[in-house]
Amino acid sequence: MTKGEMQRAKRRALNILDEWIKVTGVIGEHSSYHSELEGIIEDAVECGAQGALRINEPLESEKD
């Protein structure tokens, strides 16, 4: 998977999140919760890519 493919996958997932937030109104756009959810979504995309490639390495967020 190239860096560009990963970025597009994350953007797609974040677009789905943004649409969900607009429809549900559960949290405010650009709030601290929104930022936290974006990080979780990005990590989930990376986990999925690792799983597809049969790689199991700690994510940057897990290294802290």
PDB file of N, CA and C in Angstrom:
ATOM      1  N   MET A   1       0.851  -1.170   0.000  1.00  0.00           N
ATOM      2  CA  MET A   1       0.000   0.000   0.000  1.00  0.00           C
ATOM      3  C   MET A   1       0.897   1.235   0.000  1.00  0.00           C
ATOM      4  N   THR A   2       0.608   2.138  -0.889  1.00  0.00           N
ATOM      5  CA  THR A   2       1.406   3.357  -0.968  1.00  0.00           C
ATOM      6  C   THR A   2       0.908   4.388   0.047  1.00  0.00           C
ATOM      7  N   LYS A   3       1.733   5.386   0.286  1.00  0.00           N
ATOM      8  CA  LYS A   3       1.350   6.460   1.200  1.00  0.00           C
ATOM      9  C   LYS A   3       0.090   7.168   0.690  1.00  0.00           C
ATOM     10  N   GLY A   4       0.009   7.380  -0.621  1.00  0.00           N
ATOM     11  CA  GLY A   4      -1.165   8.022  -1.211  1.00  0.00           C
ATOM     12  C   GLY A   4      -2.426   7.200  -1.025  1.00  0.00           C
ATOM     13  N   GLU A   5      -2.318   5.893  -1.185  1.00  0.00           N
ATOM     14  CA  GLU A   5      -3.475   5.022  -0.982  1.00  0.00           C
ATOM     15  C   GLU A   5      -3.951   5.080   0.462  1.00  0.00           C
ATOM     16  N   MET A   6      -3.003   5.109   1.395  1.00  0.00           N
ATOM     17  CA  MET A   6      -3.363   5.196   2.805  1.00  0.00           C
ATOM     18  C   MET A   6      -4.059   6.529   3.098  1.00  0.00           C
ATOM     19  N   GLN A   7      -3.542   7.605   2.559  1.00  0.00           N
ATOM     20  CA  GLN A   7      -4.146   8.924   2.766  1.00  0.00           C
ATOM     21  C   GLN A   7      -5.559   8.978   2.201  1.00  0.00           C
ATOM     22  N   ARG A   8      -5.761   8.390   1.014  1.00  0.00           N
ATOM     23  CA  ARG A   8      -7.109   8.376   0.420  1.00  0.00           C
ATOM     24  C   ARG A   8      -8.072   7.538   1.257  1.00  0.00           C
ATOM     25  N   ALA A   9      -7.585   6.412   1.783  1.00  0.00           N
ATOM     26  CA  ALA A   9      -8.433   5.562   2.623  1.00  0.00           C
ATOM     27  C   ALA A   9      -8.839   6.301   3.903  1.00  0.00           C
ATOM     28  N   LYS A  10      -7.894   7.006   4.502  1.00  0.00           N
ATOM     29  CA  LYS A  10      -8.210   7.778   5.714  1.00  0.00           C
ATOM     30  C   LYS A  10      -9.198   8.896   5.403  1.00  0.00           C
ATOM     31  N   ARG A  11      -8.983   9.592   4.285  1.00  0.00           N
ATOM     32  CA  ARG A  11      -9.885  10.688   3.918  1.00  0.00           C
ATOM     33  C   ARG A  11     -11.299  10.166   3.690  1.00  0.00           C
ATOM     34  N   ARG A  12     -11.408   9.012   3.039  1.00  0.00           N
ATOM     35  CA  ARG A  12     -12.727   8.415   2.803  1.00  0.00           C
ATOM     36  C   ARG A  12     -13.412   8.111   4.131  1.00  0.00           C
ATOM     37  N   ALA A  13     -12.682   7.500   5.052  1.00  0.00           N
ATOM     38  CA  ALA A  13     -13.248   7.172   6.357  1.00  0.00           C
ATOM     39  C   ALA A  13     -13.627   8.437   7.123  1.00  0.00           C
ATOM     40  N   LEU A  14     -12.798   9.471   7.040  1.00  0.00           N
ATOM     41  CA  LEU A  14     -13.100  10.721   7.733  1.00  0.00           C
ATOM     42  C   LEU A  14     -14.307  11.416   7.113  1.00  0.00           C
ATOM     43  N   ASN A  15     -14.484  11.279   5.814  1.00  0.00           N
ATOM     44  CA  ASN A  15     -15.681  11.834   5.162  1.00  0.00           C
ATOM     45  C   ASN A  15     -16.944  11.140   5.673  1.00  0.00           C
ATOM     46  N   ILE A  16     -16.860   9.823   5.875  1.00  0.00           N
ATOM     47  CA  ILE A  16     -17.996   9.080   6.422  1.00  0.00           C
ATOM     48  C   ILE A  16     -18.297   9.575   7.831  1.00  0.00           C
ATOM     49  N   LEU A  17     -17.263   9.782   8.639  1.00  0.00           N
ATOM     50  CA  LEU A  17     -17.454  10.327   9.984  1.00  0.00           C
ATOM     51  C   LEU A  17     -18.111  11.696   9.932  1.00  0.00           C
ATOM     52  N   ASP A  18     -17.604  12.577   9.079  1.00  0.00           N
ATOM     53  CA  ASP A  18     -18.160  13.926   8.974  1.00  0.00           C
ATOM     54  C   ASP A  18     -19.632  13.897   8.578  1.00  0.00           C
ATOM     55  N   GLU A  19     -19.972  13.023   7.658  1.00  0.00           N
ATOM     56  CA  GLU A  19     -21.372  12.910   7.232  1.00  0.00           C
ATOM     57  C   GLU A  19     -22.246  12.417   8.387  1.00  0.00           C
ATOM     58  N   TRP A  20     -21.745  11.444   9.129  1.00  0.00           N
ATOM     59  CA  TRP A  20     -22.481  10.927  10.279  1.00  0.00           C
ATOM     60  C   TRP A  20     -22.713  12.033  11.308  1.00  0.00           C
ATOM     61  N   ILE A  21     -21.694  12.828  11.563  1.00  0.00           N
ATOM     62  CA  ILE A  21     -21.817  13.923  12.526  1.00  0.00           C
ATOM     63  C   ILE A  21     -22.854  14.938  12.047  1.00  0.00           C
ATOM     64  N   LYS A  22     -22.842  15.264  10.760  1.00  0.00           N
ATOM     65  CA  LYS A  22     -23.820  16.213  10.220  1.00  0.00           C
ATOM     66  C   LYS A  22     -25.243  15.683  10.352  1.00  0.00           C
ATOM     67  N   VAL A  23     -25.428  14.403  10.075  1.00  0.00           N
ATOM     68  CA  VAL A  23     -26.764  13.813  10.107  1.00  0.00           C
ATOM     69  C   VAL A  23     -27.268  13.663  11.535  1.00  0.00           C
ATOM     70  N   THR A  24     -26.425  13.193  12.433  1.00  0.00           N
ATOM     71  CA  THR A  24     -26.877  12.902  13.794  1.00  0.00           C
ATOM     72  C   THR A  24     -26.806  14.103  14.726  1.00  0.00           C
ATOM     73  N   GLY A  25     -25.840  14.978  14.513  1.00  0.00           N
ATOM     74  CA  GLY A  25     -25.661  16.111  15.412  1.00  0.00           C
ATOM     75  C   GLY A  25     -25.227  15.704  16.813  1.00  0.00           C
ATOM     76  N   VAL A  26     -24.706  14.493  16.939  1.00  0.00           N
ATOM     77  CA  VAL A  26     -24.329  13.969  18.250  1.00  0.00           C
ATOM     78  C   VAL A  26     -23.227  14.791  18.901  1.00  0.00           C
ATOM     79  N   ILE A  27     -22.260  15.218  18.113  1.00  0.00           N
ATOM     80  CA  ILE A  27     -21.189  16.065  18.634  1.00  0.00           C
ATOM     81  C   ILE A  27     -20.991  17.242  17.690  1.00  0.00           C
ATOM     82  N   GLY A  28     -20.395  18.277  18.188  1.00  0.00           N
ATOM     83  CA  GLY A  28     -20.133  19.440  17.354  1.00  0.00           C
ATOM     84  C   GLY A  28     -18.958  19.205  16.422  1.00  0.00           C
ATOM     85  N   GLU A  29     -19.093  19.696  15.200  1.00  0.00           N
ATOM     86  CA  GLU A  29     -17.977  19.603  14.266  1.00  0.00           C
ATOM     87  C   GLU A  29     -16.818  20.423  14.812  1.00  0.00           C
ATOM     88  N   HIS A  30     -15.631  19.907  14.652  1.00  0.00           N
ATOM     89  CA  HIS A  30     -14.391  20.573  15.061  1.00  0.00           C
ATOM     90  C   HIS A  30     -14.290  20.762  16.569  1.00  0.00           C
ATOM     91  N   SER A  31     -15.026  19.955  17.330  1.00  0.00           N
ATOM     92  CA  SER A  31     -14.899  19.972  18.785  1.00  0.00           C
ATOM     93  C   SER A  31     -13.756  19.038  19.179  1.00  0.00           C
ATOM     94  N   SER A  32     -13.427  19.015  20.459  1.00  0.00           N
ATOM     95  CA  SER A  32     -12.360  18.116  20.904  1.00  0.00           C
ATOM     96  C   SER A  32     -12.770  16.656  20.698  1.00  0.00           C
ATOM     97  N   TYR A  33     -14.061  16.345  20.881  1.00  0.00           N
ATOM     98  CA  TYR A  33     -14.530  14.984  20.621  1.00  0.00           C
ATOM     99  C   TYR A  33     -14.362  14.629  19.142  1.00  0.00           C
ATOM    100  N   HIS A  34     -14.633  15.568  18.281  1.00  0.00           N
ATOM    101  CA  HIS A  34     -14.486  15.343  16.844  1.00  0.00           C
ATOM    102  C   HIS A  34     -13.033  15.014  16.517  1.00  0.00           C
ATOM    103  N   SER A  35     -12.121  15.756  17.097  1.00  0.00           N
ATOM    104  CA  SER A  35     -10.693  15.511  16.867  1.00  0.00           C
ATOM    105  C   SER A  35     -10.276  14.139  17.378  1.00  0.00           C
ATOM    106  N   GLU A  36     -10.780  13.761  18.540  1.00  0.00           N
ATOM    107  CA  GLU A  36     -10.461  12.441  19.093  1.00  0.00           C
ATOM    108  C   GLU A  36     -11.007  11.329  18.197  1.00  0.00           C
ATOM    109  N   LEU A  37     -12.233  11.503  17.720  1.00  0.00           N
ATOM    110  CA  LEU A  37     -12.820  10.505  16.820  1.00  0.00           C
ATOM    111  C   LEU A  37     -12.034  10.396  15.519  1.00  0.00           C
ATOM    112  N   GLU A  38     -11.561  11.521  15.004  1.00  0.00           N
ATOM    113  CA  GLU A  38     -10.745  11.475  13.790  1.00  0.00           C
ATOM    114  C   GLU A  38      -9.496  10.624  14.004  1.00  0.00           C
ATOM    115  N   GLY A  39      -8.858  10.786  15.145  1.00  0.00           N
ATOM    116  CA  GLY A  39      -7.672   9.984  15.450  1.00  0.00           C
ATOM    117  C   GLY A  39      -7.987   8.506  15.528  1.00  0.00           C
ATOM    118  N   ILE A  40      -9.126   8.182  16.132  1.00  0.00           N
ATOM    119  CA  ILE A  40      -9.538   6.784  16.234  1.00  0.00           C
ATOM    120  C   ILE A  40      -9.819   6.208  14.851  1.00  0.00           C
ATOM    121  N   ILE A  41     -10.495   6.980  14.006  1.00  0.00           N
ATOM    122  CA  ILE A  41     -10.807   6.534  12.643  1.00  0.00           C
ATOM    123  C   ILE A  41      -9.517   6.298  11.857  1.00  0.00           C
ATOM    124  N   GLU A  42      -8.574   7.226  11.951  1.00  0.00           N
ATOM    125  CA  GLU A  42      -7.301   7.072  11.234  1.00  0.00           C
ATOM    126  C   GLU A  42      -6.559   5.825  11.708  1.00  0.00           C
ATOM    127  N   ASP A  43      -6.563   5.569  13.021  1.00  0.00           N
ATOM    128  CA  ASP A  43      -5.923   4.357  13.544  1.00  0.00           C
ATOM    129  C   ASP A  43      -6.632   3.105  13.038  1.00  0.00           C
ATOM    130  N   ALA A  44      -7.951   3.146  12.972  1.00  0.00           N
ATOM    131  CA  ALA A  44      -8.710   1.991  12.487  1.00  0.00           C
ATOM    132  C   ALA A  44      -8.372   1.682  11.032  1.00  0.00           C
ATOM    133  N   VAL A  45      -8.215   2.716  10.219  1.00  0.00           N
ATOM    134  CA  VAL A  45      -7.831   2.507   8.819  1.00  0.00           C
ATOM    135  C   VAL A  45      -6.449   1.868   8.758  1.00  0.00           C
ATOM    136  N   GLU A  46      -5.527   2.345   9.574  1.00  0.00           N
ATOM    137  CA  GLU A  46      -4.185   1.764   9.591  1.00  0.00           C
ATOM    138  C   GLU A  46      -4.220   0.311  10.064  1.00  0.00           C
ATOM    139  N   CYS A  47      -5.048   0.008  11.071  1.00  0.00           N
ATOM    140  CA  CYS A  47      -5.189  -1.375  11.538  1.00  0.00           C
ATOM    141  C   CYS A  47      -5.722  -2.274  10.417  1.00  0.00           C
ATOM    142  N   GLY A  48      -6.707  -1.767   9.689  1.00  0.00           N
ATOM    143  CA  GLY A  48      -7.259  -2.540   8.580  1.00  0.00           C
ATOM    144  C   GLY A  48      -6.233  -2.799   7.500  1.00  0.00           C
ATOM    145  N   ALA A  49      -5.435  -1.786   7.188  1.00  0.00           N
ATOM    146  CA  ALA A  49      -4.385  -1.953   6.176  1.00  0.00           C
ATOM    147  C   ALA A  49      -3.350  -2.963   6.650  1.00  0.00           C
ATOM    148  N   GLN A  50      -2.960  -2.867   7.918  1.00  0.00           N
ATOM    149  CA  GLN A  50      -1.998  -3.834   8.453  1.00  0.00           C
ATOM    150  C   GLN A  50      -2.565  -5.251   8.386  1.00  0.00           C
ATOM    151  N   GLY A  51      -3.835  -5.390   8.742  1.00  0.00           N
ATOM    152  CA  GLY A  51      -4.460  -6.708   8.689  1.00  0.00           C
ATOM    153  C   GLY A  51      -4.483  -7.274   7.284  1.00  0.00           C
ATOM    154  N   ALA A  52      -4.801  -6.423   6.320  1.00  0.00           N
ATOM    155  CA  ALA A  52      -4.848  -6.873   4.923  1.00  0.00           C
ATOM    156  C   ALA A  52      -3.471  -7.288   4.421  1.00  0.00           C
ATOM    157  N   LEU A  53      -2.448  -6.612   4.937  1.00  0.00           N
ATOM    158  CA  LEU A  53      -1.077  -6.902   4.516  1.00  0.00           C
ATOM    159  C   LEU A  53      -0.381  -7.906   5.433  1.00  0.00           C
ATOM    160  N   ARG A  54      -1.116  -8.414   6.417  1.00  0.00           N
ATOM    161  CA  ARG A  54      -0.588  -9.373   7.394  1.00  0.00           C
ATOM    162  C   ARG A  54       0.630  -8.820   8.139  1.00  0.00           C
ATOM    163  N   ILE A  55       0.495  -7.569   8.553  1.00  0.00           N
ATOM    164  CA  ILE A  55       1.529  -6.885   9.336  1.00  0.00           C
ATOM    165  C   ILE A  55       0.930  -6.595  10.705  1.00  0.00           C
ATOM    166  N   ASN A  56       1.741  -6.734  11.731  1.00  0.00           N
ATOM    167  CA  ASN A  56       1.262  -6.405  13.071  1.00  0.00           C
ATOM    168  C   ASN A  56       2.340  -5.583  13.774  1.00  0.00           C
ATOM    169  N   GLU A  57       2.316  -4.294  13.532  1.00  0.00           N
ATOM    170  CA  GLU A  57       3.267  -3.381  14.145  1.00  0.00           C
ATOM    171  C   GLU A  57       2.493  -2.346  14.967  1.00  0.00           C
ATOM    172  N   PRO A  58       3.072  -1.878  16.066  1.00  0.00           N
ATOM    173  CA  PRO A  58       2.398  -0.842  16.845  1.00  0.00           C
ATOM    174  C   PRO A  58       2.180   0.422  16.009  1.00  0.00           C
ATOM    175  N   LEU A  59       1.011   1.028  16.170  1.00  0.00           N
ATOM    176  CA  LEU A  59       0.728   2.295  15.521  1.00  0.00           C
ATOM    177  C   LEU A  59       1.430   3.401  16.296  1.00  0.00           C
ATOM    178  N   GLU A  60       1.572   4.564  15.693  1.00  0.00           N
ATOM    179  CA  GLU A  60       2.203   5.692  16.382  1.00  0.00           C
ATOM    180  C   GLU A  60       1.475   6.000  17.689  1.00  0.00           C
ATOM    181  N   SER A  61       0.146   5.903  17.674  1.00  0.00           N
ATOM    182  CA  SER A  61      -0.625   6.213  18.875  1.00  0.00           C
ATOM    183  C   SER A  61      -0.404   5.183  19.985  1.00  0.00           C
ATOM    184  N   GLU A  62       0.049   3.998  19.639  1.00  0.00           N
ATOM    185  CA  GLU A  62       0.300   2.964  20.635  1.00  0.00           C
ATOM    186  C   GLU A  62       1.702   3.059  21.229  1.00  0.00           C
ATOM    187  N   LYS A  63       2.556   3.805  20.601  1.00  0.00           N
ATOM    188  CA  LYS A  63       3.956   3.913  21.047  1.00  0.00           C
ATOM    189  C   LYS A  63       4.136   4.870  22.205  1.00  0.00           C
ATOM    190  N   ASP A  64       3.159   5.739  22.436  1.00  0.00           N
ATOM    191  CA  ASP A  64       3.278   6.736  23.508  1.00  0.00           C
ATOM    192  C   ASP A  64       3.143   6.138  24.878  1.00  0.00           C
TER     193      ASP A  64
END
